[in-house]
């Protein structure tokens, strides 16, 4: 398969290229506007000059079988629109777009054209989180904190908290009938922390992000029926049933596999190769819930 990676920033270089660059069944194309980055990564992954591109036009002219978009969020809508209109199966880093109306338009366009579109919510594929589906989940608490990074509500939520929102949607054992949002913003409109509560028959889920925390961490707790599972930084799993039992990531387990990136890529490329339909309709529900969080956070900022 001829696979293009559009946008060669930090996430592409750290997470996706190590996966794509080692696949024997993949002919890799690279695209970025930065010639120095293009040459460096082309050399690192032995991509010949004719498969290195500085424009999307060049990528489309090469007729790729699929494209993975890792450009800045602000560029997603334009890039995905062009790819879908060209009939190219597309994988895009979360979120689809900053504005909900644009995300809806992209999902509708892909479905109208019959073009596979997938949003990269890798935590659904991370083993530590996916295995929690086998655990009682009466109460779910996910904290994803950072140090010294308050931000405007829309970028805070769509670029980062979106992972928490989607993971809660993935793990809740039913359909929530109650949604609550609490947010705190400073007088200059920067959001410092947000709490999302989802509740339904027999379960409650809390998603928490503090961007002025004392540390960068991600901790998931699921509990029920006198048992609890804690997943720390997607790598360490502790089961509590009286005495705790700890499992850690194996020394030889790649980080991309631990974080679900490898599995995301495999799911996308496998669906493309087999002709299995892919829709971003469920991912759109995450974007819609994120919009509720953004509006609540902006209201909190207006009251500050």
C-alpha atoms as a PDB file:
ATOM      1  CA  UNK A   1       0.000   0.000   0.000  1.00  0.00           C
ATOM      2  CA  UNK A   2       1.113   3.523  -0.789  1.00  0.00           C
ATOM      3  CA  UNK A   3       0.625   5.488   2.436  1.00  0.00           C
ATOM      4  CA  UNK A   4       1.252   9.217   2.881  1.00  0.00           C
ATOM      5  CA  UNK A   5       1.973  10.979   6.145  1.00  0.00           C
ATOM      6  CA  UNK A   6       0.977  14.657   5.872  1.00  0.00           C
ATOM      7  CA  UNK A   7       2.441  16.818   8.614  1.00  0.00           C
ATOM      8  CA  UNK A   8       5.709  15.757  10.236  1.00  0.00           C
ATOM      9  CA  UNK A   9       5.536  17.392  13.633  1.00  0.00           C
ATOM     10  CA  UNK A  10       6.193  15.970  17.067  1.00  0.00           C
ATOM     11  CA  UNK A  11       3.387  13.386  17.156  1.00  0.00           C
ATOM     12  CA  UNK A  12       4.197  12.078  13.684  1.00  0.00           C
ATOM     13  CA  UNK A  13       7.896  11.789  14.420  1.00  0.00           C
ATOM     14  CA  UNK A  14       7.566  10.253  17.892  1.00  0.00           C
ATOM     15  CA  UNK A  15       4.566   7.965  17.423  1.00  0.00           C
ATOM     16  CA  UNK A  16       3.497   7.315  13.839  1.00  0.00           C
ATOM     17  CA  UNK A  17       6.622   7.194  11.693  1.00  0.00           C
ATOM     18  CA  UNK A  18       8.240   4.499  13.866  1.00  0.00           C
ATOM     19  CA  UNK A  19       5.171   2.362  13.096  1.00  0.00           C
ATOM     20  CA  UNK A  20       4.684   3.248   9.426  1.00  0.00           C
ATOM     21  CA  UNK A  21       8.396   3.169   8.648  1.00  0.00           C
ATOM     22  CA  UNK A  22       8.798  -0.452   9.706  1.00  0.00           C
ATOM     23  CA  UNK A  23       5.844  -1.958   7.816  1.00  0.00           C
ATOM     24  CA  UNK A  24       7.010  -4.247   5.006  1.00  0.00           C
ATOM     25  CA  UNK A  25       3.712  -3.794   3.149  1.00  0.00           C
ATOM     26  CA  UNK A  26       3.895   0.017   3.055  1.00  0.00           C
ATOM     27  CA  UNK A  27       5.410   2.383   0.513  1.00  0.00           C
ATOM     28  CA  UNK A  28       5.785   5.551   2.569  1.00  0.00           C
ATOM     29  CA  UNK A  29       5.276   9.088   1.258  1.00  0.00           C
ATOM     30  CA  UNK A  30       6.144  12.097   3.431  1.00  0.00           C
ATOM     31  CA  UNK A  31       4.766  15.619   3.230  1.00  0.00           C
ATOM     32  CA  UNK A  32       5.643  18.805   5.117  1.00  0.00           C
ATOM     33  CA  UNK A  33       6.291  22.426   4.183  1.00  0.00           C
ATOM     34  CA  UNK A  34       9.613  22.309   6.041  1.00  0.00           C
ATOM     35  CA  UNK A  35      12.323  21.117   3.589  1.00  0.00           C
ATOM     36  CA  UNK A  36      14.889  20.458   6.333  1.00  0.00           C
ATOM     37  CA  UNK A  37      12.495  18.221   8.263  1.00  0.00           C
ATOM     38  CA  UNK A  38      11.461  16.485   5.056  1.00  0.00           C
ATOM     39  CA  UNK A  39      15.065  15.705   4.097  1.00  0.00           C
ATOM     40  CA  UNK A  40      16.002  14.556   7.606  1.00  0.00           C
ATOM     41  CA  UNK A  41      13.080  12.172   8.038  1.00  0.00           C
ATOM     42  CA  UNK A  42      13.291  11.019   4.449  1.00  0.00           C
ATOM     43  CA  UNK A  43      16.884   9.969   5.075  1.00  0.00           C
ATOM     44  CA  UNK A  44      16.031   8.380   8.430  1.00  0.00           C
ATOM     45  CA  UNK A  45      13.277   6.215   6.934  1.00  0.00           C
ATOM     46  CA  UNK A  46      14.981   5.634   3.576  1.00  0.00           C
ATOM     47  CA  UNK A  47      12.224   7.361   1.609  1.00  0.00           C
ATOM     48  CA  UNK A  48      13.484   8.223  -1.914  1.00  0.00           C
ATOM     49  CA  UNK A  49      13.306  11.870  -3.091  1.00  0.00           C
ATOM     50  CA  UNK A  50      10.415  11.209  -5.492  1.00  0.00           C
ATOM     51  CA  UNK A  51       8.244  10.285  -2.500  1.00  0.00           C
ATOM     52  CA  UNK A  52       9.033  13.458  -0.531  1.00  0.00           C
ATOM     53  CA  UNK A  53       6.523  16.285  -0.969  1.00  0.00           C
ATOM     54  CA  UNK A  54       6.091  19.848   0.268  1.00  0.00           C
ATOM     55  CA  UNK A  55       2.467  20.222  -0.887  1.00  0.00           C
ATOM     56  CA  UNK A  56      -0.717  18.212  -0.745  1.00  0.00           C
ATOM     57  CA  UNK A  57      -0.962  18.576  -4.510  1.00  0.00           C
ATOM     58  CA  UNK A  58       2.221  16.533  -4.815  1.00  0.00           C
ATOM     59  CA  UNK A  59       0.835  13.850  -2.525  1.00  0.00           C
ATOM     60  CA  UNK A  60      -2.428  13.599  -4.463  1.00  0.00           C
ATOM     61  CA  UNK A  61      -0.555  13.405  -7.760  1.00  0.00           C
ATOM     62  CA  UNK A  62       1.242  10.322  -6.386  1.00  0.00           C
ATOM     63  CA  UNK A  63      -2.167   8.616  -5.957  1.00  0.00           C
ATOM     64  CA  UNK A  64      -1.804   7.295  -2.384  1.00  0.00           C
ATOM     65  CA  UNK A  65      -3.983   4.445  -1.153  1.00  0.00           C
ATOM     66  CA  UNK A  66      -4.493   6.246   2.155  1.00  0.00           C
ATOM     67  CA  UNK A  67      -3.290   9.348   4.010  1.00  0.00           C
ATOM     68  CA  UNK A  68      -2.621  10.006   7.672  1.00  0.00           C
ATOM     69  CA  UNK A  69      -2.978  13.688   8.641  1.00  0.00           C
ATOM     70  CA  UNK A  70      -0.755  14.925  11.474  1.00  0.00           C
ATOM     71  CA  UNK A  71      -0.765  18.637  10.667  1.00  0.00           C
ATOM     72  CA  UNK A  72      -1.789  21.362  13.137  1.00  0.00           C
ATOM     73  CA  UNK A  73      -5.462  21.257  14.107  1.00  0.00           C
ATOM     74  CA  UNK A  74      -6.176  24.555  12.324  1.00  0.00           C
ATOM     75  CA  UNK A  75      -5.242  22.893   9.017  1.00  0.00           C
ATOM     76  CA  UNK A  76      -7.324  19.740   9.477  1.00  0.00           C
ATOM     77  CA  UNK A  77     -10.562  20.943   7.876  1.00  0.00           C
ATOM     78  CA  UNK A  78      -8.934  22.053   4.621  1.00  0.00           C
ATOM     79  CA  UNK A  79      -6.681  18.992   4.331  1.00  0.00           C
ATOM     80  CA  UNK A  80      -9.386  16.456   5.146  1.00  0.00           C
ATOM     81  CA  UNK A  81     -11.836  18.153   2.786  1.00  0.00           C
ATOM     82  CA  UNK A  82      -9.415  17.917  -0.129  1.00  0.00           C
ATOM     83  CA  UNK A  83      -8.516  14.319   0.624  1.00  0.00           C
ATOM     84  CA  UNK A  84     -12.119  13.184   0.973  1.00  0.00           C
ATOM     85  CA  UNK A  85     -13.131  15.024  -2.184  1.00  0.00           C
ATOM     86  CA  UNK A  86     -10.288  13.206  -3.956  1.00  0.00           C
ATOM     87  CA  UNK A  87     -11.668   9.889  -2.659  1.00  0.00           C
ATOM     88  CA  UNK A  88      -8.628   9.100  -0.488  1.00  0.00           C
ATOM     89  CA  UNK A  89      -9.192   7.112   2.752  1.00  0.00           C
ATOM     90  CA  UNK A  90      -8.132   9.457   5.543  1.00  0.00           C
ATOM     91  CA  UNK A  91      -6.950   9.104   9.124  1.00  0.00           C
ATOM     92  CA  UNK A  92      -6.702  12.343  11.099  1.00  0.00           C
ATOM     93  CA  UNK A  93      -5.321  13.113  14.534  1.00  0.00           C
ATOM     94  CA  UNK A  94      -7.935  14.295  16.966  1.00  0.00           C
ATOM     95  CA  UNK A  95      -9.774  16.579  16.709  1.00  0.00           C
ATOM     96  CA  UNK A  96     -11.333  16.755  13.275  1.00  0.00           C
ATOM     97  CA  UNK A  97     -11.570  20.540  13.625  1.00  0.00           C
ATOM     98  CA  UNK A  98     -11.840  23.219  16.300  1.00  0.00           C
ATOM     99  CA  UNK A  99     -15.379  24.174  15.279  1.00  0.00           C
ATOM    100  CA  UNK A 100     -18.176  21.628  15.640  1.00  0.00           C
ATOM    101  CA  UNK A 101     -19.887  22.729  12.427  1.00  0.00           C
ATOM    102  CA  UNK A 102     -16.687  21.919  10.508  1.00  0.00           C
ATOM    103  CA  UNK A 103     -16.397  18.510  12.163  1.00  0.00           C
ATOM    104  CA  UNK A 104     -19.997  17.746  11.224  1.00  0.00           C
ATOM    105  CA  UNK A 105     -19.391  18.872   7.658  1.00  0.00           C
ATOM    106  CA  UNK A 106     -16.364  16.597   7.300  1.00  0.00           C
ATOM    107  CA  UNK A 107     -18.196  13.538   8.633  1.00  0.00           C
ATOM    108  CA  UNK A 108     -21.190  14.219   6.399  1.00  0.00           C
ATOM    109  CA  UNK A 109     -18.926  14.739   3.381  1.00  0.00           C
ATOM    110  CA  UNK A 110     -17.054  11.476   3.958  1.00  0.00           C
ATOM    111  CA  UNK A 111     -20.293   9.529   4.310  1.00  0.00           C
ATOM    112  CA  UNK A 112     -21.821  11.162   1.220  1.00  0.00           C
ATOM    113  CA  UNK A 113     -18.739  10.302  -0.841  1.00  0.00           C
ATOM    114  CA  UNK A 114     -18.345   6.831   0.671  1.00  0.00           C
ATOM    115  CA  UNK A 115     -14.758   7.632   1.724  1.00  0.00           C
ATOM    116  CA  UNK A 116     -13.303   5.981   4.868  1.00  0.00           C
ATOM    117  CA  UNK A 117     -12.578   8.550   7.587  1.00  0.00           C
ATOM    118  CA  UNK A 118     -11.089   7.705  10.989  1.00  0.00           C
ATOM    119  CA  UNK A 119     -10.195   9.959  13.925  1.00  0.00           C
ATOM    120  CA  UNK A 120      -7.140   8.881  15.911  1.00  0.00           C
ATOM    121  CA  UNK A 121      -8.421   8.245  19.433  1.00  0.00           C
ATOM    122  CA  UNK A 122      -5.551   5.972  20.332  1.00  0.00           C
ATOM    123  CA  UNK A 123      -6.568   5.401  23.942  1.00  0.00           C
ATOM    124  CA  UNK A 124      -9.401   3.172  22.776  1.00  0.00           C
ATOM    125  CA  UNK A 125      -6.697   0.833  21.497  1.00  0.00           C
ATOM    126  CA  UNK A 126      -4.196   1.177  24.361  1.00  0.00           C
ATOM    127  CA  UNK A 127      -4.071  -2.235  26.080  1.00  0.00           C
ATOM    128  CA  UNK A 128      -4.233  -0.787  29.598  1.00  0.00           C
ATOM    129  CA  UNK A 129      -7.499   0.993  28.807  1.00  0.00           C
ATOM    130  CA  UNK A 130      -9.064  -1.496  26.399  1.00  0.00           C
ATOM    131  CA  UNK A 131      -8.675  -4.257  29.004  1.00  0.00           C
ATOM    132  CA  UNK A 132     -10.774  -2.202  31.429  1.00  0.00           C
ATOM    133  CA  UNK A 133     -13.824  -3.133  29.371  1.00  0.00           C
ATOM    134  CA  UNK A 134     -13.563  -6.526  31.094  1.00  0.00           C
ATOM    135  CA  UNK A 135     -13.683  -4.895  34.563  1.00  0.00           C
ATOM    136  CA  UNK A 136     -16.770  -3.791  36.552  1.00  0.00           C
ATOM    137  CA  UNK A 137     -17.182  -0.057  35.872  1.00  0.00           C
ATOM    138  CA  UNK A 138     -19.666   1.363  38.359  1.00  0.00           C
ATOM    139  CA  UNK A 139     -17.339   4.310  38.923  1.00  0.00           C
ATOM    140  CA  UNK A 140     -14.807   5.596  36.393  1.00  0.00           C
ATOM    141  CA  UNK A 141     -12.361   8.404  37.186  1.00  0.00           C
ATOM    142  CA  UNK A 142      -9.843   9.619  34.617  1.00  0.00           C
ATOM    143  CA  UNK A 143      -7.378  12.398  35.428  1.00  0.00           C
ATOM    144  CA  UNK A 144      -5.059  13.829  32.774  1.00  0.00           C
ATOM    145  CA  UNK A 145      -3.052  16.657  34.288  1.00  0.00           C
ATOM    146  CA  UNK A 146      -0.304  18.954  33.095  1.00  0.00           C
ATOM    147  CA  UNK A 147       2.069  21.449  34.662  1.00  0.00           C
ATOM    148  CA  UNK A 148       1.817  25.176  33.953  1.00  0.00           C
ATOM    149  CA  UNK A 149      -0.283  25.066  30.748  1.00  0.00           C
ATOM    150  CA  UNK A 150      -3.516  27.070  31.157  1.00  0.00           C
ATOM    151  CA  UNK A 151      -5.125  27.677  27.768  1.00  0.00           C
ATOM    152  CA  UNK A 152      -8.114  29.170  25.978  1.00  0.00           C
ATOM    153  CA  UNK A 153     -11.141  26.932  26.393  1.00  0.00           C
ATOM    154  CA  UNK A 154     -11.495  25.728  22.795  1.00  0.00           C
ATOM    155  CA  UNK A 155      -7.863  24.717  22.349  1.00  0.00           C
ATOM    156  CA  UNK A 156      -7.705  23.319  25.908  1.00  0.00           C
ATOM    157  CA  UNK A 157     -10.680  21.053  25.255  1.00  0.00           C
ATOM    158  CA  UNK A 158     -10.286  20.117  21.580  1.00  0.00           C
ATOM    159  CA  UNK A 159      -6.526  19.581  21.584  1.00  0.00           C
ATOM    160  CA  UNK A 160      -6.168  17.824  24.937  1.00  0.00           C
ATOM    161  CA  UNK A 161      -9.279  17.218  27.067  1.00  0.00           C
ATOM    162  CA  UNK A 162     -10.871  15.542  24.030  1.00  0.00           C
ATOM    163  CA  UNK A 163      -8.862  12.419  24.956  1.00  0.00           C
ATOM    164  CA  UNK A 164     -10.525  12.328  28.376  1.00  0.00           C
ATOM    165  CA  UNK A 165     -13.984  12.867  26.892  1.00  0.00           C
ATOM    166  CA  UNK A 166     -13.583  10.122  24.318  1.00  0.00           C
ATOM    167  CA  UNK A 167     -12.097   7.658  26.793  1.00  0.00           C
ATOM    168  CA  UNK A 168     -15.027   8.138  29.170  1.00  0.00           C
ATOM    169  CA  UNK A 169     -17.463   7.588  26.288  1.00  0.00           C
ATOM    170  CA  UNK A 170     -15.552   4.431  25.380  1.00  0.00           C
ATOM    171  CA  UNK A 171     -15.569   3.022  28.914  1.00  0.00           C
ATOM    172  CA  UNK A 172     -19.006   3.891  30.304  1.00  0.00           C
ATOM    173  CA  UNK A 173     -21.142   0.735  30.455  1.00  0.00           C
ATOM    174  CA  UNK A 174     -24.301   2.437  29.210  1.00  0.00           C
ATOM    175  CA  UNK A 175     -25.796   5.595  27.758  1.00  0.00           C
ATOM    176  CA  UNK A 176     -25.391   8.629  30.056  1.00  0.00           C
ATOM    177  CA  UNK A 177     -28.606  10.436  30.933  1.00  0.00           C
ATOM    178  CA  UNK A 178     -26.865  13.162  32.930  1.00  0.00           C
ATOM    179  CA  UNK A 179     -23.994  15.425  31.835  1.00  0.00           C
ATOM    180  CA  UNK A 180     -22.438  18.048  34.097  1.00  0.00           C
ATOM    181  CA  UNK A 181     -19.462  20.331  33.524  1.00  0.00           C
ATOM    182  CA  UNK A 182     -17.501  22.399  36.028  1.00  0.00           C
ATOM    183  CA  UNK A 183     -14.721  24.667  34.828  1.00  0.00           C
ATOM    184  CA  UNK A 184     -12.491  27.334  36.298  1.00  0.00           C
ATOM    185  CA  UNK A 185     -10.947  30.100  34.218  1.00  0.00           C
ATOM    186  CA  UNK A 186      -8.869  33.134  35.123  1.00  0.00           C
ATOM    187  CA  UNK A 187      -9.817  36.764  34.498  1.00  0.00           C
ATOM    188  CA  UNK A 188      -7.810  36.745  31.257  1.00  0.00           C
ATOM    189  CA  UNK A 189      -9.915  33.859  29.949  1.00  0.00           C
ATOM    190  CA  UNK A 190      -7.378  31.057  30.367  1.00  0.00           C
ATOM    191  CA  UNK A 191      -8.893  27.764  31.487  1.00  0.00           C
ATOM    192  CA  UNK A 192      -7.036  26.102  34.344  1.00  0.00           C
ATOM    193  CA  UNK A 193      -9.123  23.030  35.069  1.00  0.00           C
ATOM    194  CA  UNK A 194     -12.294  21.287  33.986  1.00  0.00           C
ATOM    195  CA  UNK A 195     -14.384  18.406  35.343  1.00  0.00           C
ATOM    196  CA  UNK A 196     -16.863  16.425  33.253  1.00  0.00           C
ATOM    197  CA  UNK A 197     -19.396  14.118  34.908  1.00  0.00           C
ATOM    198  CA  UNK A 198     -21.378  11.505  32.995  1.00  0.00           C
ATOM    199  CA  UNK A 199     -23.961   9.439  34.833  1.00  0.00           C
ATOM    200  CA  UNK A 200     -26.390   6.746  33.825  1.00  0.00           C
ATOM    201  CA  UNK A 201     -28.124   3.658  35.197  1.00  0.00           C
ATOM    202  CA  UNK A 202     -25.688   2.131  37.689  1.00  0.00           C
ATOM    203  CA  UNK A 203     -22.610   4.163  36.766  1.00  0.00           C
ATOM    204  CA  UNK A 204     -20.861   7.499  37.211  1.00  0.00           C
ATOM    205  CA  UNK A 205     -17.828   8.684  35.243  1.00  0.00           C
ATOM    206  CA  UNK A 206     -15.619  11.662  36.041  1.00  0.00           C
ATOM    207  CA  UNK A 207     -13.116  13.193  33.655  1.00  0.00           C
ATOM    208  CA  UNK A 208     -10.696  15.691  35.172  1.00  0.00           C
ATOM    209  CA  UNK A 209      -7.977  17.845  33.648  1.00  0.00           C
ATOM    210  CA  UNK A 210      -5.876  20.316  35.620  1.00  0.00           C
ATOM    211  CA  UNK A 211      -3.437  22.272  33.464  1.00  0.00           C
ATOM    212  CA  UNK A 212      -1.874  24.021  36.458  1.00  0.00           C
ATOM    213  CA  UNK A 213      -1.114  20.810  38.308  1.00  0.00           C
ATOM    214  CA  UNK A 214       2.189  20.089  39.988  1.00  0.00           C
ATOM    215  CA  UNK A 215       2.974  17.310  37.535  1.00  0.00           C
ATOM    216  CA  UNK A 216       2.165  15.766  34.177  1.00  0.00           C
ATOM    217  CA  UNK A 217       0.273  12.528  34.751  1.00  0.00           C
ATOM    218  CA  UNK A 218      -2.579  10.384  33.518  1.00  0.00           C
ATOM    219  CA  UNK A 219      -4.403   8.091  35.923  1.00  0.00           C
ATOM    220  CA  UNK A 220      -7.475   5.976  35.208  1.00  0.00           C
ATOM    221  CA  UNK A 221      -9.451   4.222  37.959  1.00  0.00           C
ATOM    222  CA  UNK A 222     -12.354   1.873  37.300  1.00  0.00           C
ATOM    223  CA  UNK A 223     -14.128   0.184  40.176  1.00  0.00           C
ATOM    224  CA  UNK A 224     -17.141  -1.935  41.033  1.00  0.00           C
ATOM    225  CA  UNK A 225     -18.137  -5.137  42.812  1.00  0.00           C
ATOM    226  CA  UNK A 226     -15.478  -4.663  45.503  1.00  0.00           C
ATOM    227  CA  UNK A 227     -12.655  -4.419  42.986  1.00  0.00           C
ATOM    228  CA  UNK A 228     -10.619  -1.596  41.494  1.00  0.00           C
ATOM    229  CA  UNK A 229      -8.200  -1.266  38.605  1.00  0.00           C
ATOM    230  CA  UNK A 230      -5.767   1.642  38.331  1.00  0.00           C
ATOM    231  CA  UNK A 231      -3.881   2.407  35.109  1.00  0.00           C
ATOM    232  CA  UNK A 232      -1.089   4.939  35.488  1.00  0.00           C
ATOM    233  CA  UNK A 233       0.351   6.707  32.443  1.00  0.00           C
ATOM    234  CA  UNK A 234      -1.015   3.908  30.218  1.00  0.00           C
ATOM    235  CA  UNK A 235       1.871   1.689  31.371  1.00  0.00           C
ATOM    236  CA  UNK A 236       1.276   0.375  34.896  1.00  0.00           C
ATOM    237  CA  UNK A 237      -1.840  -1.574  35.896  1.00  0.00           C
ATOM    238  CA  UNK A 238      -2.705  -2.255  39.531  1.00  0.00           C
ATOM    239  CA  UNK A 239      -5.627  -4.526  40.417  1.00  0.00           C
ATOM    240  CA  UNK A 240      -7.091  -4.219  43.918  1.00  0.00           C
ATOM    241  CA  UNK A 241      -9.029  -7.142  45.303  1.00  0.00           C
ATOM    242  CA  UNK A 242      -7.850  -7.074  48.892  1.00  0.00           C
ATOM    243  CA  UNK A 243      -4.119  -7.139  48.090  1.00  0.00           C
ATOM    244  CA  UNK A 244      -2.875  -5.095  45.111  1.00  0.00           C
ATOM    245  CA  UNK A 245      -1.353  -6.816  42.085  1.00  0.00           C
ATOM    246  CA  UNK A 246       0.901  -4.714  39.840  1.00  0.00           C
ATOM    247  CA  UNK A 247       1.692  -5.256  36.144  1.00  0.00           C
ATOM    248  CA  UNK A 248       4.089  -2.981  34.284  1.00  0.00           C
ATOM    249  CA  UNK A 249       4.844  -2.497  30.609  1.00  0.00           C
ATOM    250  CA  UNK A 250       7.373  -5.041  29.418  1.00  0.00           C
ATOM    251  CA  UNK A 251      10.898  -3.801  28.802  1.00  0.00           C
ATOM    252  CA  UNK A 252      10.587  -4.625  25.100  1.00  0.00           C
ATOM    253  CA  UNK A 253       7.063  -3.307  24.548  1.00  0.00           C
ATOM    254  CA  UNK A 254       7.216  -0.347  22.136  1.00  0.00           C
ATOM    255  CA  UNK A 255       5.722   2.901  23.437  1.00  0.00           C
ATOM    256  CA  UNK A 256       3.558   3.161  20.308  1.00  0.00           C
ATOM    257  CA  UNK A 257       1.965  -0.189  21.154  1.00  0.00           C
ATOM    258  CA  UNK A 258       1.527   0.700  24.825  1.00  0.00           C
ATOM    259  CA  UNK A 259      -0.265   3.934  23.850  1.00  0.00           C
ATOM    260  CA  UNK A 260      -2.441   2.308  21.183  1.00  0.00           C
ATOM    261  CA  UNK A 261      -0.855   4.090  18.210  1.00  0.00           C
ATOM    262  CA  UNK A 262       0.289   0.900  16.531  1.00  0.00           C
ATOM    263  CA  UNK A 263      -3.146  -0.653  16.918  1.00  0.00           C
ATOM    264  CA  UNK A 264      -4.841   2.490  15.552  1.00  0.00           C
ATOM    265  CA  UNK A 265      -2.694   2.379  12.431  1.00  0.00           C
ATOM    266  CA  UNK A 266      -3.322  -1.334  11.997  1.00  0.00           C
ATOM    267  CA  UNK A 267      -7.090  -0.871  12.369  1.00  0.00           C
ATOM    268  CA  UNK A 268      -7.134   1.933   9.795  1.00  0.00           C
ATOM    269  CA  UNK A 269      -4.870   0.324   7.209  1.00  0.00           C
ATOM    270  CA  UNK A 270      -6.505  -3.066   7.697  1.00  0.00           C
ATOM    271  CA  UNK A 271      -9.930  -1.584   7.000  1.00  0.00           C
ATOM    272  CA  UNK A 272      -8.634   0.234   3.920  1.00  0.00           C
ATOM    273  CA  UNK A 273      -6.947  -2.897   2.564  1.00  0.00           C
ATOM    274  CA  UNK A 274     -10.041  -5.060   3.093  1.00  0.00           C
ATOM    275  CA  UNK A 275     -12.535  -2.462   1.913  1.00  0.00           C
ATOM    276  CA  UNK A 276     -14.257  -2.399   5.299  1.00  0.00           C
ATOM    277  CA  UNK A 277     -16.342   0.788   5.731  1.00  0.00           C
ATOM    278  CA  UNK A 278     -14.992   3.339   8.205  1.00  0.00           C
ATOM    279  CA  UNK A 279     -17.136   6.159   9.582  1.00  0.00           C
ATOM    280  CA  UNK A 280     -16.217   8.981  11.958  1.00  0.00           C
ATOM    281  CA  UNK A 281     -19.843   9.301  13.124  1.00  0.00           C
ATOM    282  CA  UNK A 282     -19.085   7.963  16.616  1.00  0.00           C
ATOM    283  CA  UNK A 283     -16.042  10.244  16.878  1.00  0.00           C
ATOM    284  CA  UNK A 284     -18.365  13.133  16.041  1.00  0.00           C
ATOM    285  CA  UNK A 285     -20.349  12.372  19.201  1.00  0.00           C
ATOM    286  CA  UNK A 286     -17.164  13.002  21.169  1.00  0.00           C
ATOM    287  CA  UNK A 287     -16.753  16.345  19.386  1.00  0.00           C
ATOM    288  CA  UNK A 288     -20.366  17.228  20.214  1.00  0.00           C
ATOM    289  CA  UNK A 289     -19.795  16.501  23.894  1.00  0.00           C
ATOM    290  CA  UNK A 290     -16.581  18.536  23.767  1.00  0.00           C
ATOM    291  CA  UNK A 291     -18.597  21.480  22.440  1.00  0.00           C
ATOM    292  CA  UNK A 292     -20.776  21.323  25.552  1.00  0.00           C
ATOM    293  CA  UNK A 293     -17.627  21.440  27.662  1.00  0.00           C
ATOM    294  CA  UNK A 294     -16.243  24.398  25.685  1.00  0.00           C
ATOM    295  CA  UNK A 295     -19.444  26.404  26.070  1.00  0.00           C
ATOM    296  CA  UNK A 296     -19.549  25.724  29.816  1.00  0.00           C
ATOM    297  CA  UNK A 297     -15.874  26.676  30.153  1.00  0.00           C
ATOM    298  CA  UNK A 298     -16.352  29.885  28.173  1.00  0.00           C
ATOM    299  CA  UNK A 299     -19.304  30.771  30.387  1.00  0.00           C
ATOM    300  CA  UNK A 300     -17.120  30.189  33.455  1.00  0.00           C
ATOM    301  CA  UNK A 301     -14.505  32.498  31.959  1.00  0.00           C
ATOM    302  CA  UNK A 302     -17.095  35.207  31.326  1.00  0.00           C
ATOM    303  CA  UNK A 303     -18.096  35.081  35.006  1.00  0.00           C
ATOM    304  CA  UNK A 304     -14.489  35.458  36.225  1.00  0.00           C
END
